[in-house]
Amino acid sequence: MSLPIDQKIFTIRSNICEQRLAKNYSQEYIALKLGISQNAYCKIEMGASMISLERSLLIADILEIDVAILIGEQR
């Protein structure tokens, strides 16, 4: 059975943070690459703002991973 949407969103946010830390990248670095403030990026990881598909793809590119890792489809 599929996870509820709020659990899927939590998984994506958690995976973004996990992958960022694994690369030893700061929130400020990711934010700079995205062209947003560190505060705006922090809100993405904390779940205070929604993340678009486009931004998810950009984050995956910055982290040099497949977007499937962010959505929890592969490890």
N, C-alpha and C. Protein backbone atom coordinates (compact mmCIF):
# COMPACT_ATOMS: atom_id res chain seq x y z
N MET A 1 0.84 -1.19 0.00
CA MET A 1 0.00 0.00 0.00
C MET A 1 0.88 1.25 0.00
N SER A 2 0.44 2.27 -0.67
CA SER A 2 1.17 3.52 -0.80
C SER A 2 1.10 4.33 0.50
N LEU A 3 2.18 5.07 0.77
CA LEU A 3 2.22 5.93 1.94
C LEU A 3 1.33 7.15 1.73
N PRO A 4 0.78 7.70 2.81
CA PRO A 4 0.02 8.95 2.69
C PRO A 4 0.93 10.07 2.19
N ILE A 5 0.34 11.05 1.54
CA ILE A 5 1.10 12.14 0.93
C ILE A 5 1.97 12.87 1.93
N ASP A 6 1.49 13.10 3.15
CA ASP A 6 2.30 13.81 4.14
C ASP A 6 3.54 13.00 4.53
N GLN A 7 3.43 11.68 4.53
CA GLN A 7 4.59 10.83 4.82
C GLN A 7 5.58 10.87 3.65
N LYS A 8 5.07 10.92 2.43
CA LYS A 8 5.95 11.02 1.27
C LYS A 8 6.73 12.33 1.28
N ILE A 9 6.05 13.41 1.61
CA ILE A 9 6.71 14.73 1.68
C ILE A 9 7.76 14.72 2.77
N PHE A 10 7.44 14.13 3.92
CA PHE A 10 8.41 14.03 5.00
C PHE A 10 9.64 13.25 4.54
N THR A 11 9.42 12.17 3.81
CA THR A 11 10.52 11.35 3.30
C THR A 11 11.42 12.15 2.37
N ILE A 12 10.83 12.92 1.47
CA ILE A 12 11.61 13.74 0.55
C ILE A 12 12.45 14.75 1.31
N ARG A 13 11.83 15.46 2.25
CA ARG A 13 12.57 16.46 3.04
C ARG A 13 13.70 15.81 3.82
N SER A 14 13.42 14.66 4.43
CA SER A 14 14.45 13.95 5.20
C SER A 14 15.59 13.50 4.31
N ASN A 15 15.26 13.00 3.13
CA ASN A 15 16.29 12.53 2.21
C ASN A 15 17.14 13.68 1.68
N ILE A 16 16.53 14.82 1.45
CA ILE A 16 17.30 15.99 1.02
C ILE A 16 18.33 16.35 2.09
N CYS A 17 17.89 16.42 3.32
CA CYS A 17 18.78 16.77 4.43
C CYS A 17 19.86 15.71 4.59
N GLU A 18 19.49 14.45 4.56
CA GLU A 18 20.44 13.35 4.71
C GLU A 18 21.51 13.38 3.62
N GLN A 19 21.08 13.59 2.38
CA GLN A 19 22.03 13.62 1.27
C GLN A 19 22.92 14.85 1.33
N ARG A 20 22.36 15.97 1.76
CA ARG A 20 23.15 17.20 1.89
C ARG A 20 24.24 17.01 2.94
N LEU A 21 23.88 16.43 4.07
CA LEU A 21 24.85 16.20 5.13
C LEU A 21 25.90 15.18 4.72
N ALA A 22 25.50 14.17 3.96
CA ALA A 22 26.45 13.16 3.48
C ALA A 22 27.50 13.78 2.57
N LYS A 23 27.11 14.81 1.83
CA LYS A 23 28.05 15.52 0.95
C LYS A 23 28.83 16.61 1.69
N ASN A 24 28.44 16.80 2.96
CA ASN A 24 29.05 17.85 3.78
C ASN A 24 28.80 19.24 3.20
N TYR A 25 27.61 19.43 2.61
CA TYR A 25 27.21 20.72 2.07
C TYR A 25 26.38 21.46 3.12
N SER A 26 26.59 22.74 3.21
CA SER A 26 25.79 23.56 4.12
C SER A 26 24.48 23.95 3.46
N GLN A 27 23.52 24.34 4.28
CA GLN A 27 22.27 24.87 3.73
C GLN A 27 22.57 26.11 2.90
N GLU A 28 23.49 26.91 3.35
CA GLU A 28 23.85 28.13 2.63
C GLU A 28 24.37 27.81 1.22
N TYR A 29 25.19 26.75 1.11
CA TYR A 29 25.73 26.36 -0.19
C TYR A 29 24.62 25.94 -1.15
N ILE A 30 23.70 25.10 -0.67
CA ILE A 30 22.59 24.64 -1.52
C ILE A 30 21.73 25.83 -1.91
N ALA A 31 21.45 26.70 -0.96
CA ALA A 31 20.63 27.88 -1.23
C ALA A 31 21.28 28.76 -2.30
N LEU A 32 22.58 28.96 -2.19
CA LEU A 32 23.31 29.76 -3.18
C LEU A 32 23.17 29.15 -4.57
N LYS A 33 23.33 27.84 -4.67
CA LYS A 33 23.21 27.15 -5.96
C LYS A 33 21.79 27.25 -6.51
N LEU A 34 20.79 27.30 -5.62
CA LEU A 34 19.39 27.40 -6.05
C LEU A 34 18.99 28.85 -6.34
N GLY A 35 19.79 29.79 -5.89
CA GLY A 35 19.45 31.20 -6.08
C GLY A 35 18.40 31.70 -5.11
N ILE A 36 18.38 31.10 -3.91
CA ILE A 36 17.44 31.50 -2.87
C ILE A 36 18.22 31.78 -1.59
N SER A 37 17.55 32.35 -0.60
CA SER A 37 18.21 32.62 0.67
C SER A 37 18.36 31.33 1.47
N GLN A 38 19.29 31.37 2.41
CA GLN A 38 19.47 30.21 3.29
C GLN A 38 18.20 29.97 4.10
N ASN A 39 17.53 31.03 4.49
CA ASN A 39 16.29 30.92 5.24
C ASN A 39 15.21 30.21 4.41
N ALA A 40 15.12 30.57 3.14
CA ALA A 40 14.14 29.92 2.26
C ALA A 40 14.46 28.44 2.09
N TYR A 41 15.75 28.12 1.97
CA TYR A 41 16.13 26.71 1.85
C TYR A 41 15.83 25.96 3.13
N CYS A 42 16.12 26.57 4.26
CA CYS A 42 15.84 25.95 5.55
C CYS A 42 14.36 25.59 5.67
N LYS A 43 13.50 26.48 5.17
CA LYS A 43 12.06 26.22 5.21
C LYS A 43 11.69 24.99 4.38
N ILE A 44 12.42 24.73 3.31
CA ILE A 44 12.18 23.53 2.51
C ILE A 44 12.48 22.29 3.36
N GLU A 45 13.65 22.27 3.98
CA GLU A 45 14.03 21.12 4.80
C GLU A 45 13.13 20.94 6.02
N MET A 46 12.66 22.04 6.57
CA MET A 46 11.81 21.97 7.76
C MET A 46 10.35 21.70 7.44
N GLY A 47 9.99 21.82 6.17
CA GLY A 47 8.61 21.57 5.77
C GLY A 47 7.70 22.78 5.91
N ALA A 48 8.29 23.94 6.11
CA ALA A 48 7.50 25.16 6.24
C ALA A 48 7.09 25.73 4.89
N SER A 49 7.71 25.24 3.82
CA SER A 49 7.29 25.64 2.47
C SER A 49 7.28 24.41 1.59
N MET A 50 6.43 24.43 0.61
CA MET A 50 6.30 23.30 -0.32
C MET A 50 7.46 23.34 -1.31
N ILE A 51 7.86 22.18 -1.75
CA ILE A 51 8.93 22.06 -2.72
C ILE A 51 8.33 21.63 -4.06
N SER A 52 8.68 22.37 -5.09
CA SER A 52 8.16 22.05 -6.42
C SER A 52 8.96 20.90 -7.04
N LEU A 53 8.39 20.32 -8.06
CA LEU A 53 9.10 19.28 -8.80
C LEU A 53 10.38 19.84 -9.39
N GLU A 54 10.29 21.02 -9.97
CA GLU A 54 11.48 21.66 -10.56
C GLU A 54 12.58 21.84 -9.52
N ARG A 55 12.21 22.33 -8.34
CA ARG A 55 13.22 22.56 -7.30
C ARG A 55 13.77 21.23 -6.80
N SER A 56 12.95 20.20 -6.73
CA SER A 56 13.43 18.86 -6.33
C SER A 56 14.47 18.36 -7.32
N LEU A 57 14.21 18.56 -8.60
CA LEU A 57 15.16 18.14 -9.62
C LEU A 57 16.46 18.93 -9.54
N LEU A 58 16.36 20.23 -9.27
CA LEU A 58 17.55 21.05 -9.13
C LEU A 58 18.38 20.62 -7.92
N ILE A 59 17.71 20.34 -6.82
CA ILE A 59 18.41 19.89 -5.61
C ILE A 59 19.12 18.57 -5.88
N ALA A 60 18.43 17.65 -6.54
CA ALA A 60 19.05 16.37 -6.88
C ALA A 60 20.30 16.59 -7.74
N ASP A 61 20.22 17.51 -8.70
CA ASP A 61 21.38 17.82 -9.54
C ASP A 61 22.54 18.39 -8.70
N ILE A 62 22.23 19.30 -7.81
CA ILE A 62 23.26 19.89 -6.96
C ILE A 62 23.91 18.83 -6.08
N LEU A 63 23.09 17.90 -5.58
CA LEU A 63 23.61 16.83 -4.73
C LEU A 63 24.23 15.69 -5.54
N GLU A 64 24.13 15.79 -6.86
CA GLU A 64 24.67 14.79 -7.78
C GLU A 64 24.09 13.39 -7.51
N ILE A 65 22.77 13.36 -7.35
CA ILE A 65 22.06 12.10 -7.13
C ILE A 65 20.85 12.05 -8.03
N ASP A 66 20.30 10.88 -8.19
CA ASP A 66 19.06 10.72 -8.94
C ASP A 66 17.90 11.16 -8.06
N VAL A 67 16.94 11.83 -8.66
CA VAL A 67 15.78 12.30 -7.90
C VAL A 67 15.04 11.15 -7.23
N ALA A 68 15.17 9.94 -7.77
CA ALA A 68 14.53 8.76 -7.16
C ALA A 68 15.04 8.54 -5.73
N ILE A 69 16.26 8.93 -5.45
CA ILE A 69 16.78 8.81 -4.09
C ILE A 69 16.03 9.76 -3.17
N LEU A 70 15.73 10.95 -3.65
CA LEU A 70 15.01 11.92 -2.81
C LEU A 70 13.61 11.44 -2.48
N ILE A 71 12.96 10.80 -3.43
CA ILE A 71 11.60 10.35 -3.16
C ILE A 71 11.55 8.98 -2.49
N GLY A 72 12.74 8.41 -2.23
CA GLY A 72 12.81 7.17 -1.50
C GLY A 72 12.59 5.93 -2.31
N GLU A 73 12.76 6.05 -3.63
CA GLU A 73 12.54 4.90 -4.50
C GLU A 73 13.79 4.05 -4.70
N GLN A 74 14.96 4.58 -4.34
CA GLN A 74 16.19 3.80 -4.38
C GLN A 74 17.14 4.30 -3.33
N ARG A 75 18.09 3.49 -2.97
CA ARG A 75 19.08 3.84 -1.94
C ARG A 75 20.46 3.74 -2.49
